[in-house]
Amino acid sequence: MSTQPEAATSRRALDALIDWLIAEDEAETEATGGCPACDTQAIEMCVACGSCRCDRHDTCTRPAQEA
């Protein structure tokens, strides 16, 4: 028999589930070419340099649009 109240046990289970879901999302982001640190998906990477939002992009120039 557990000495922990049911609410504390449920809260720990919920916290563990949240941690697992966050880790799964970060792994998927990294596996698809994104950056899990700043949650930038691959499609959202900087057009000019290909980097994520972890760094500033003040010097990046957007490539000219192809006609």
N, C-alpha and C. Protein backbone atom coordinates (compact mmCIF):
# COMPACT_ATOMS: atom_id res chain seq x y z
N MET A 1 0.84 -1.17 0.00
CA MET A 1 0.00 0.00 0.00
C MET A 1 0.89 1.23 0.00
N SER A 2 0.56 2.19 -0.84
CA SER A 2 1.33 3.41 -0.98
C SER A 2 0.97 4.40 0.12
N THR A 3 1.98 5.13 0.58
CA THR A 3 1.72 6.15 1.59
C THR A 3 1.48 7.51 0.95
N GLN A 4 1.68 7.61 -0.39
CA GLN A 4 1.47 8.86 -1.11
C GLN A 4 -0.03 9.05 -1.39
N PRO A 5 -0.52 10.27 -1.24
CA PRO A 5 -1.91 10.53 -1.62
C PRO A 5 -2.10 10.30 -3.11
N GLU A 6 -3.28 9.94 -3.50
CA GLU A 6 -3.58 9.64 -4.90
C GLU A 6 -3.30 10.86 -5.80
N ALA A 7 -3.59 12.06 -5.34
CA ALA A 7 -3.36 13.26 -6.14
C ALA A 7 -1.88 13.45 -6.44
N ALA A 8 -1.01 13.17 -5.49
CA ALA A 8 0.44 13.31 -5.70
C ALA A 8 0.92 12.30 -6.73
N THR A 9 0.40 11.08 -6.66
CA THR A 9 0.77 10.04 -7.61
C THR A 9 0.29 10.41 -9.01
N SER A 10 -0.93 10.92 -9.13
CA SER A 10 -1.48 11.33 -10.41
C SER A 10 -0.68 12.50 -10.98
N ARG A 11 -0.27 13.42 -10.13
CA ARG A 11 0.51 14.57 -10.59
C ARG A 11 1.86 14.13 -11.13
N ARG A 12 2.51 13.17 -10.44
CA ARG A 12 3.80 12.65 -10.92
C ARG A 12 3.62 11.95 -12.26
N ALA A 13 2.55 11.20 -12.41
CA ALA A 13 2.29 10.51 -13.67
C ALA A 13 2.04 11.52 -14.79
N LEU A 14 1.31 12.57 -14.50
CA LEU A 14 1.04 13.61 -15.49
C LEU A 14 2.34 14.35 -15.86
N ASP A 15 3.15 14.67 -14.87
CA ASP A 15 4.44 15.32 -15.15
C ASP A 15 5.34 14.44 -16.01
N ALA A 16 5.35 13.14 -15.73
CA ALA A 16 6.16 12.20 -16.52
C ALA A 16 5.65 12.13 -17.95
N LEU A 17 4.34 12.13 -18.14
CA LEU A 17 3.76 12.11 -19.48
C LEU A 17 4.10 13.37 -20.25
N ILE A 18 4.02 14.51 -19.60
CA ILE A 18 4.36 15.79 -20.24
C ILE A 18 5.83 15.79 -20.65
N ASP A 19 6.71 15.35 -19.76
CA ASP A 19 8.14 15.28 -20.08
C ASP A 19 8.39 14.36 -21.28
N TRP A 20 7.71 13.23 -21.32
CA TRP A 20 7.86 12.28 -22.42
C TRP A 20 7.38 12.89 -23.74
N LEU A 21 6.25 13.59 -23.71
CA LEU A 21 5.72 14.21 -24.93
C LEU A 21 6.64 15.32 -25.44
N ILE A 22 7.21 16.10 -24.54
CA ILE A 22 8.15 17.15 -24.94
C ILE A 22 9.39 16.53 -25.57
N ALA A 23 9.92 15.48 -24.95
CA ALA A 23 11.11 14.81 -25.49
C ALA A 23 10.82 14.21 -26.86
N GLU A 24 9.65 13.63 -27.03
CA GLU A 24 9.27 13.06 -28.33
C GLU A 24 9.17 14.15 -29.39
N ASP A 25 8.58 15.28 -29.05
CA ASP A 25 8.47 16.39 -29.99
C ASP A 25 9.85 16.93 -30.38
N GLU A 26 10.74 17.08 -29.40
CA GLU A 26 12.09 17.56 -29.68
C GLU A 26 12.86 16.59 -30.56
N ALA A 27 12.70 15.29 -30.32
CA ALA A 27 13.38 14.28 -31.14
C ALA A 27 12.87 14.31 -32.57
N GLU A 28 11.57 14.48 -32.75
CA GLU A 28 11.00 14.56 -34.09
C GLU A 28 11.48 15.81 -34.82
N THR A 29 11.54 16.94 -34.11
CA THR A 29 12.02 18.19 -34.71
C THR A 29 13.46 18.02 -35.19
N GLU A 30 14.31 17.42 -34.34
CA GLU A 30 15.71 17.22 -34.71
C GLU A 30 15.83 16.23 -35.87
N ALA A 31 15.05 15.17 -35.86
CA ALA A 31 15.13 14.15 -36.91
C ALA A 31 14.70 14.67 -38.27
N THR A 32 13.86 15.69 -38.29
CA THR A 32 13.39 16.24 -39.56
C THR A 32 14.19 17.46 -40.01
N GLY A 33 15.31 17.74 -39.32
CA GLY A 33 16.18 18.83 -39.74
C GLY A 33 15.94 20.14 -39.04
N GLY A 34 15.13 20.16 -38.01
CA GLY A 34 14.86 21.39 -37.27
C GLY A 34 15.78 21.52 -36.07
N CYS A 35 15.52 22.52 -35.27
CA CYS A 35 16.31 22.78 -34.07
C CYS A 35 15.41 22.66 -32.84
N PRO A 36 15.60 21.62 -32.04
CA PRO A 36 14.76 21.47 -30.85
C PRO A 36 15.02 22.52 -29.77
N ALA A 37 16.19 23.16 -29.79
CA ALA A 37 16.51 24.16 -28.76
C ALA A 37 15.58 25.36 -28.84
N CYS A 38 15.27 25.80 -30.06
CA CYS A 38 14.39 26.97 -30.22
C CYS A 38 13.07 26.58 -30.88
N ASP A 39 12.86 25.29 -31.07
CA ASP A 39 11.64 24.74 -31.65
C ASP A 39 11.37 25.27 -33.06
N THR A 40 12.45 25.43 -33.83
CA THR A 40 12.31 25.84 -35.23
C THR A 40 12.19 24.59 -36.08
N GLN A 41 11.11 24.50 -36.82
CA GLN A 41 10.93 23.38 -37.73
C GLN A 41 11.80 23.59 -38.96
N ALA A 42 12.11 22.53 -39.67
CA ALA A 42 12.99 22.61 -40.85
C ALA A 42 12.46 23.62 -41.86
N ILE A 43 11.17 23.67 -42.05
CA ILE A 43 10.56 24.58 -43.03
C ILE A 43 10.67 26.04 -42.59
N GLU A 44 10.94 26.29 -41.30
CA GLU A 44 11.03 27.64 -40.77
C GLU A 44 12.46 28.17 -40.70
N MET A 45 13.44 27.40 -41.15
CA MET A 45 14.84 27.83 -41.08
C MET A 45 15.02 29.08 -41.95
N CYS A 46 16.01 29.89 -41.62
CA CYS A 46 16.30 31.13 -42.34
C CYS A 46 16.55 30.83 -43.82
N VAL A 47 15.88 31.56 -44.68
CA VAL A 47 16.01 31.36 -46.12
C VAL A 47 17.43 31.70 -46.57
N ALA A 48 18.03 32.72 -45.98
CA ALA A 48 19.35 33.19 -46.42
C ALA A 48 20.48 32.27 -46.00
N CYS A 49 20.51 31.85 -44.73
CA CYS A 49 21.66 31.09 -44.25
C CYS A 49 21.33 29.66 -43.83
N GLY A 50 20.05 29.33 -43.71
CA GLY A 50 19.65 27.98 -43.34
C GLY A 50 19.70 27.69 -41.86
N SER A 51 19.99 28.70 -41.03
CA SER A 51 20.08 28.50 -39.59
C SER A 51 18.73 28.74 -38.91
N CYS A 52 18.69 28.39 -37.63
CA CYS A 52 17.46 28.53 -36.86
C CYS A 52 17.39 29.87 -36.15
N ARG A 53 16.47 29.99 -35.20
CA ARG A 53 16.28 31.23 -34.45
C ARG A 53 17.20 31.35 -33.24
N CYS A 54 18.11 30.40 -33.04
CA CYS A 54 19.02 30.49 -31.90
C CYS A 54 19.97 31.68 -32.03
N ASP A 55 20.26 32.07 -33.26
CA ASP A 55 21.17 33.18 -33.51
C ASP A 55 20.42 34.32 -34.19
N ARG A 56 21.00 35.52 -34.10
CA ARG A 56 20.42 36.66 -34.80
C ARG A 56 20.76 36.56 -36.28
N HIS A 57 19.95 37.10 -37.11
CA HIS A 57 20.14 37.04 -38.55
C HIS A 57 20.17 38.44 -39.15
N ASP A 58 20.76 39.39 -38.42
CA ASP A 58 20.80 40.78 -38.88
C ASP A 58 21.58 40.93 -40.19
N THR A 59 22.58 40.10 -40.40
CA THR A 59 23.42 40.25 -41.59
C THR A 59 22.95 39.37 -42.74
N CYS A 60 21.96 38.55 -42.53
CA CYS A 60 21.47 37.68 -43.60
C CYS A 60 20.71 38.52 -44.64
N THR A 61 20.96 38.23 -45.88
CA THR A 61 20.19 38.87 -46.94
C THR A 61 19.39 37.79 -47.65
N ARG A 62 18.15 38.08 -47.80
CA ARG A 62 17.25 37.12 -48.43
C ARG A 62 17.61 36.98 -49.90
N PRO A 63 17.73 35.76 -50.37
CA PRO A 63 18.06 35.56 -51.80
C PRO A 63 17.01 36.18 -52.71
N ALA A 64 17.45 36.62 -53.87
CA ALA A 64 16.51 37.19 -54.86
C ALA A 64 15.53 36.12 -55.30
N GLN A 65 14.31 36.52 -55.52
CA GLN A 65 13.31 35.57 -55.99
C GLN A 65 13.61 35.19 -57.44
N GLU A 66 13.42 33.93 -57.71
CA GLU A 66 13.62 33.47 -59.07
C GLU A 66 12.41 33.85 -59.91
N ALA A 67 12.66 34.28 -61.12
CA ALA A 67 11.58 34.72 -62.00
C ALA A 67 10.95 33.55 -62.70
